[in-house]
Amino acid sequence: MEYEIRQWIKERLSTNLPEFNNLPACPFAKEALIKNKIVIQELDNQYESRMSMKEYFLAELENYSYHWPKGKEVIVLGCKPELISSDDLSDIVEIASDKFLTKRGFIALEDHPAVEEKVLEYKLNQGSYALILLQEAEKLQKAREILKKKQYYKNWTKDYLNDVVQSFPHTS
C-alpha cells in the first residue's frame, strides 16, 4: 500500500493540470512526501479479532490525533476496499470528527474507490485502497486559502466544493 500511495502522490496528485488552474491536484503533497512528512499505515484484517475494521480506523484516528507524530503533516490510514464500505468509511470520519477530531484541531478526509471524486474529468481517487487522510485543521485551512486566491477551485462543481468545504470546520 505504501508504494501505491507514494506513486499516486508523485504521478496523479503532483502534475500541473488545467482542471486546477494549472496547479497540481494536491499542490502540497509532493513536498510533504519528499520531506518525509507523511505517515502511511495499512490497516488489515490482522487486527484484534474482537474489533471491527470501523472500530480499528476510529482507534487509530483517536491515537494519532492524541499522539501526533513530531514533524508530520499527514497521516494516511488505509485498507483494501473489500474490508470496509464507502458508507462505513464516511461514518468513521463523521463519528471521529464529532467525538474528538474537531476538538483536537484535526480534519479527516476519506477516499474510497466506490465513490468517484472528479474535477471536470480528472479523477482524484487513489483507486486501490479505502483511505482516511488526517491533517491539522489550521494548516489545511491556510493551504485552502492560498489555493482559493490562485483560482484552484474554479472548475469544481458546487456540490463537490460544498462537500470539501463542509470538512473545514472554520470556513463559512
C-alpha atoms as a PDB file:
ATOM      1  CA  MET A   1       0.000   0.000   0.000  1.00  0.00           C
ATOM      2  CA  GLU A   2       2.758   2.468   0.886  1.00  0.00           C
ATOM      3  CA  TYR A   3       4.343   2.150  -2.560  1.00  0.00           C
ATOM      4  CA  GLU A   4       1.000   2.732  -4.299  1.00  0.00           C
ATOM      5  CA  ILE A   5       0.216   5.795  -2.160  1.00  0.00           C
ATOM      6  CA  ARG A   6       3.630   7.258  -2.945  1.00  0.00           C
ATOM      7  CA  GLN A   7       3.088   6.636  -6.670  1.00  0.00           C
ATOM      8  CA  TRP A   8      -0.372   8.239  -6.508  1.00  0.00           C
ATOM      9  CA  ILE A   9       1.142  11.357  -4.956  1.00  0.00           C
ATOM     10  CA  LYS A  10       4.002  11.518  -7.462  1.00  0.00           C
ATOM     11  CA  GLU A  11       2.067  10.635 -10.613  1.00  0.00           C
ATOM     12  CA  ARG A  12      -1.552  11.739 -10.062  1.00  0.00           C
ATOM     13  CA  LEU A  13      -1.518  14.485  -7.461  1.00  0.00           C
ATOM     14  CA  SER A  14       1.676  16.398  -8.329  1.00  0.00           C
ATOM     15  CA  THR A  15       1.264  17.257 -12.021  1.00  0.00           C
ATOM     16  CA  ASN A  16       0.076  20.715 -13.068  1.00  0.00           C
ATOM     17  CA  LEU A  17      -3.376  20.385 -14.612  1.00  0.00           C
ATOM     18  CA  PRO A  18      -5.812  22.759 -16.319  1.00  0.00           C
ATOM     19  CA  GLU A  19      -8.614  21.375 -14.125  1.00  0.00           C
ATOM     20  CA  PHE A  20      -6.910  23.059 -11.146  1.00  0.00           C
ATOM     21  CA  ASN A  21      -5.924  26.307 -12.889  1.00  0.00           C
ATOM     22  CA  ASN A  22      -2.555  24.804 -13.879  1.00  0.00           C
ATOM     23  CA  LEU A  23      -1.748  23.725 -10.328  1.00  0.00           C
ATOM     24  CA  PRO A  24      -1.331  20.118  -9.196  1.00  0.00           C
ATOM     25  CA  ALA A  25      -4.398  18.276  -7.908  1.00  0.00           C
ATOM     26  CA  CYS A  26      -2.759  18.346  -4.478  1.00  0.00           C
ATOM     27  CA  PRO A  27      -0.154  21.131  -4.615  1.00  0.00           C
ATOM     28  CA  PHE A  28       1.469  20.408  -1.256  1.00  0.00           C
ATOM     29  CA  ALA A  29       1.587  16.591  -1.340  1.00  0.00           C
ATOM     30  CA  LYS A  30       4.834  16.063  -3.254  1.00  0.00           C
ATOM     31  CA  GLU A  31       6.839  18.357  -0.981  1.00  0.00           C
ATOM     32  CA  ALA A  32       5.405  16.634   2.101  1.00  0.00           C
ATOM     33  CA  LEU A  33       6.361  13.263   0.608  1.00  0.00           C
ATOM     34  CA  ILE A  34       9.910  14.370  -0.276  1.00  0.00           C
ATOM     35  CA  LYS A  35      10.407  15.863   3.195  1.00  0.00           C
ATOM     36  CA  ASN A  36       9.131  12.656   4.860  1.00  0.00           C
ATOM     37  CA  LYS A  37       6.144  14.402   6.462  1.00  0.00           C
ATOM     38  CA  ILE A  38       3.619  11.689   5.616  1.00  0.00           C
ATOM     39  CA  VAL A  39       2.869   8.578   7.672  1.00  0.00           C
ATOM     40  CA  ILE A  40       1.263   5.757   5.690  1.00  0.00           C
ATOM     41  CA  GLN A  41      -0.257   2.920   7.702  1.00  0.00           C
ATOM     42  CA  GLU A  42      -2.090  -0.031   6.232  1.00  0.00           C
ATOM     43  CA  LEU A  43      -4.843  -1.468   8.381  1.00  0.00           C
ATOM     44  CA  ASP A  44      -5.515  -5.079   7.562  1.00  0.00           C
ATOM     45  CA  ASN A  45      -7.583  -7.936   8.867  1.00  0.00           C
ATOM     46  CA  GLN A  46      -4.804  -8.947  11.247  1.00  0.00           C
ATOM     47  CA  TYR A  47      -6.207  -6.565  13.870  1.00  0.00           C
ATOM     48  CA  GLU A  48      -7.638  -7.837  17.134  1.00  0.00           C
ATOM     49  CA  SER A  49     -10.497 -10.186  16.267  1.00  0.00           C
ATOM     50  CA  ARG A  50     -12.894  -8.507  18.710  1.00  0.00           C
ATOM     51  CA  MET A  51     -12.553  -5.191  16.820  1.00  0.00           C
ATOM     52  CA  SER A  52     -14.335  -4.367  13.570  1.00  0.00           C
ATOM     53  CA  MET A  53     -12.492  -2.530  10.801  1.00  0.00           C
ATOM     54  CA  LYS A  54     -14.653   0.511  11.599  1.00  0.00           C
ATOM     55  CA  GLU A  55     -13.507   0.387  15.234  1.00  0.00           C
ATOM     56  CA  TYR A  56      -9.907  -0.115  14.104  1.00  0.00           C
ATOM     57  CA  PHE A  57      -9.977   3.046  11.968  1.00  0.00           C
ATOM     58  CA  LEU A  58     -11.587   5.004  14.815  1.00  0.00           C
ATOM     59  CA  ALA A  59      -8.983   3.761  17.306  1.00  0.00           C
ATOM     60  CA  GLU A  60      -6.116   4.756  15.001  1.00  0.00           C
ATOM     61  CA  LEU A  61      -7.639   8.196  14.343  1.00  0.00           C
ATOM     62  CA  GLU A  62      -8.006   8.735  18.062  1.00  0.00           C
ATOM     63  CA  ASN A  63      -4.438   7.573  18.693  1.00  0.00           C
ATOM     64  CA  TYR A  64      -2.871   9.786  16.013  1.00  0.00           C
ATOM     65  CA  SER A  65      -4.965  12.835  16.909  1.00  0.00           C
ATOM     66  CA  TYR A  66      -3.909  12.470  20.541  1.00  0.00           C
ATOM     67  CA  HIS A  67      -0.274  11.488  19.882  1.00  0.00           C
ATOM     68  CA  TRP A  68       0.538  13.419  16.698  1.00  0.00           C
ATOM     69  CA  PRO A  69       3.914  12.291  15.322  1.00  0.00           C
ATOM     70  CA  LYS A  70       6.529  15.040  15.535  1.00  0.00           C
ATOM     71  CA  GLY A  71       7.323  16.681  12.207  1.00  0.00           C
ATOM     72  CA  LYS A  72       4.491  15.010  10.274  1.00  0.00           C
ATOM     73  CA  GLU A  73       1.782  16.761   8.261  1.00  0.00           C
ATOM     74  CA  VAL A  74      -0.445  13.951   7.033  1.00  0.00           C
ATOM     75  CA  ILE A  75      -1.420  10.535   8.344  1.00  0.00           C
ATOM     76  CA  VAL A  76      -2.786   8.163   5.700  1.00  0.00           C
ATOM     77  CA  LEU A  77      -4.713   5.203   7.102  1.00  0.00           C
ATOM     78  CA  GLY A  78      -5.900   2.660   4.588  1.00  0.00           C
ATOM     79  CA  CYS A  79      -7.072  -0.832   3.860  1.00  0.00           C
ATOM     80  CA  LYS A  80      -8.255  -2.922   0.958  1.00  0.00           C
ATOM     81  CA  PRO A  81     -11.696  -1.630  -0.052  1.00  0.00           C
ATOM     82  CA  GLU A  82     -13.352  -5.006   0.406  1.00  0.00           C
ATOM     83  CA  LEU A  83     -12.643  -4.710   4.148  1.00  0.00           C
ATOM     84  CA  ILE A  84     -14.818  -1.591   4.570  1.00  0.00           C
ATOM     85  CA  SER A  85     -17.690   0.011   2.674  1.00  0.00           C
ATOM     86  CA  SER A  86     -17.648   3.605   1.487  1.00  0.00           C
ATOM     87  CA  ASP A  87     -20.601   4.309   3.801  1.00  0.00           C
ATOM     88  CA  ASP A  88     -18.710   2.944   6.803  1.00  0.00           C
ATOM     89  CA  LEU A  89     -15.654   4.994   5.863  1.00  0.00           C
ATOM     90  CA  SER A  90     -17.815   8.150   5.741  1.00  0.00           C
ATOM     91  CA  ASP A  91     -19.410   7.201   9.062  1.00  0.00           C
ATOM     92  CA  ILE A  92     -15.957   6.857  10.639  1.00  0.00           C
ATOM     93  CA  VAL A  93     -14.971  10.365   9.560  1.00  0.00           C
ATOM     94  CA  GLU A  94     -18.252  11.816  10.828  1.00  0.00           C
ATOM     95  CA  ILE A  95     -18.093   9.994  14.168  1.00  0.00           C
ATOM     96  CA  ALA A  96     -14.418  10.822  14.756  1.00  0.00           C
ATOM     97  CA  SER A  97     -14.956  14.470  13.796  1.00  0.00           C
ATOM     98  CA  ASP A  98     -17.916  14.828  16.145  1.00  0.00           C
ATOM     99  CA  LYS A  99     -16.300  12.970  19.050  1.00  0.00           C
ATOM    100  CA  PHE A 100     -12.707  14.193  19.072  1.00  0.00           C
ATOM    101  CA  LEU A 101     -11.048  15.342  15.838  1.00  0.00           C
ATOM    102  CA  THR A 102     -12.622  18.807  15.614  1.00  0.00           C
ATOM    103  CA  LYS A 103     -11.965  19.473  19.321  1.00  0.00           C
ATOM    104  CA  ARG A 104      -8.321  18.490  18.865  1.00  0.00           C
ATOM    105  CA  GLY A 105      -7.879  20.590  15.729  1.00  0.00           C
ATOM    106  CA  PHE A 106      -7.829  17.866  13.068  1.00  0.00           C
ATOM    107  CA  ILE A 107      -9.661  17.137   9.836  1.00  0.00           C
ATOM    108  CA  ALA A 108     -10.125  13.711   8.284  1.00  0.00           C
ATOM    109  CA  LEU A 109     -10.956  13.213   4.607  1.00  0.00           C
ATOM    110  CA  GLU A 110     -11.984   9.867   3.151  1.00  0.00           C
ATOM    111  CA  ASP A 111     -11.299   8.323  -0.233  1.00  0.00           C
ATOM    112  CA  HIS A 112     -12.948   5.061  -1.301  1.00  0.00           C
ATOM    113  CA  PRO A 113     -12.725   3.503  -4.774  1.00  0.00           C
ATOM    114  CA  ALA A 114     -16.515   3.019  -4.787  1.00  0.00           C
ATOM    115  CA  VAL A 115     -17.113   6.798  -4.654  1.00  0.00           C
ATOM    116  CA  GLU A 116     -15.574   8.577  -7.612  1.00  0.00           C
ATOM    117  CA  GLU A 117     -14.189  12.034  -6.923  1.00  0.00           C
ATOM    118  CA  LYS A 118     -13.597  14.146 -10.025  1.00  0.00           C
ATOM    119  CA  VAL A 119     -12.953  17.714 -11.048  1.00  0.00           C
ATOM    120  CA  LEU A 120     -14.136  18.080 -14.622  1.00  0.00           C
ATOM    121  CA  GLU A 121     -12.933  14.730 -15.991  1.00  0.00           C
ATOM    122  CA  TYR A 122      -9.857  14.348 -13.755  1.00  0.00           C
ATOM    123  CA  LYS A 123     -10.281  11.518 -11.255  1.00  0.00           C
ATOM    124  CA  LEU A 124      -8.723  12.269  -7.873  1.00  0.00           C
ATOM    125  CA  ASN A 125      -9.236   8.913  -6.148  1.00  0.00           C
ATOM    126  CA  GLN A 126      -6.281   6.762  -5.268  1.00  0.00           C
ATOM    127  CA  GLY A 127      -8.312   3.849  -6.604  1.00  0.00           C
ATOM    128  CA  SER A 128      -6.852   0.764  -4.930  1.00  0.00           C
ATOM    129  CA  TYR A 129      -7.438   1.407  -1.226  1.00  0.00           C
ATOM    130  CA  ALA A 130     -10.013   2.806   1.160  1.00  0.00           C
ATOM    131  CA  LEU A 131      -8.230   5.738   2.795  1.00  0.00           C
ATOM    132  CA  ILE A 132      -8.627   8.292   5.527  1.00  0.00           C
ATOM    133  CA  LEU A 133      -6.217  11.222   5.446  1.00  0.00           C
ATOM    134  CA  LEU A 134      -5.756  13.033   8.751  1.00  0.00           C
ATOM    135  CA  GLN A 135      -4.353  16.567   8.896  1.00  0.00           C
ATOM    136  CA  GLU A 136      -4.161  19.520  11.234  1.00  0.00           C
ATOM    137  CA  ALA A 137      -7.155  21.760  10.516  1.00  0.00           C
ATOM    138  CA  GLU A 138      -5.305  25.061  10.851  1.00  0.00           C
ATOM    139  CA  LYS A 139      -2.605  24.093   8.327  1.00  0.00           C
ATOM    140  CA  LEU A 140      -5.181  22.722   5.930  1.00  0.00           C
ATOM    141  CA  GLN A 141      -7.270  25.894   6.224  1.00  0.00           C
ATOM    142  CA  LYS A 142      -4.240  28.094   5.459  1.00  0.00           C
ATOM    143  CA  ALA A 143      -3.428  25.955   2.402  1.00  0.00           C
ATOM    144  CA  ARG A 144      -7.037  26.191   1.266  1.00  0.00           C
ATOM    145  CA  GLU A 145      -6.970  29.996   1.466  1.00  0.00           C
ATOM    146  CA  ILE A 146      -3.780  30.127  -0.613  1.00  0.00           C
ATOM    147  CA  LEU A 147      -5.368  27.872  -3.246  1.00  0.00           C
ATOM    148  CA  LYS A 148      -8.572  29.900  -3.287  1.00  0.00           C
ATOM    149  CA  LYS A 149      -6.586  33.038  -4.181  1.00  0.00           C
ATOM    150  CA  LYS A 150      -4.949  31.121  -7.047  1.00  0.00           C
ATOM    151  CA  GLN A 151      -8.355  30.129  -8.513  1.00  0.00           C
ATOM    152  CA  TYR A 152      -7.605  26.471  -7.770  1.00  0.00           C
ATOM    153  CA  TYR A 153     -11.298  25.704  -7.144  1.00  0.00           C
ATOM    154  CA  LYS A 154     -12.718  27.448 -10.229  1.00  0.00           C
ATOM    155  CA  ASN A 155     -13.626  24.179 -12.028  1.00  0.00           C
ATOM    156  CA  TRP A 156     -15.092  22.378  -9.026  1.00  0.00           C
ATOM    157  CA  THR A 157     -18.804  21.656  -9.058  1.00  0.00           C
ATOM    158  CA  LYS A 158     -20.828  23.424  -6.407  1.00  0.00           C
ATOM    159  CA  ASP A 159     -21.692  20.075  -4.770  1.00  0.00           C
ATOM    160  CA  TYR A 160     -18.075  18.884  -4.654  1.00  0.00           C
ATOM    161  CA  LEU A 161     -16.867  22.226  -3.326  1.00  0.00           C
ATOM    162  CA  ASN A 162     -19.584  22.170  -0.653  1.00  0.00           C
ATOM    163  CA  ASP A 163     -18.584  18.617   0.347  1.00  0.00           C
ATOM    164  CA  VAL A 164     -14.976  19.697   0.767  1.00  0.00           C
ATOM    165  CA  VAL A 165     -15.805  22.991   2.442  1.00  0.00           C
ATOM    166  CA  GLN A 166     -18.018  21.172   4.951  1.00  0.00           C
ATOM    167  CA  SER A 167     -14.963  19.245   6.081  1.00  0.00           C
ATOM    168  CA  PHE A 168     -13.354  22.510   7.156  1.00  0.00           C
ATOM    169  CA  PRO A 169     -14.951  23.482  10.464  1.00  0.00           C
ATOM    170  CA  HIS A 170     -13.671  27.079  10.403  1.00  0.00           C
ATOM    171  CA  THR A 171     -14.957  28.101   6.958  1.00  0.00           C
ATOM    172  CA  SER A 172     -18.241  29.629   6.006  1.00  0.00           C
END
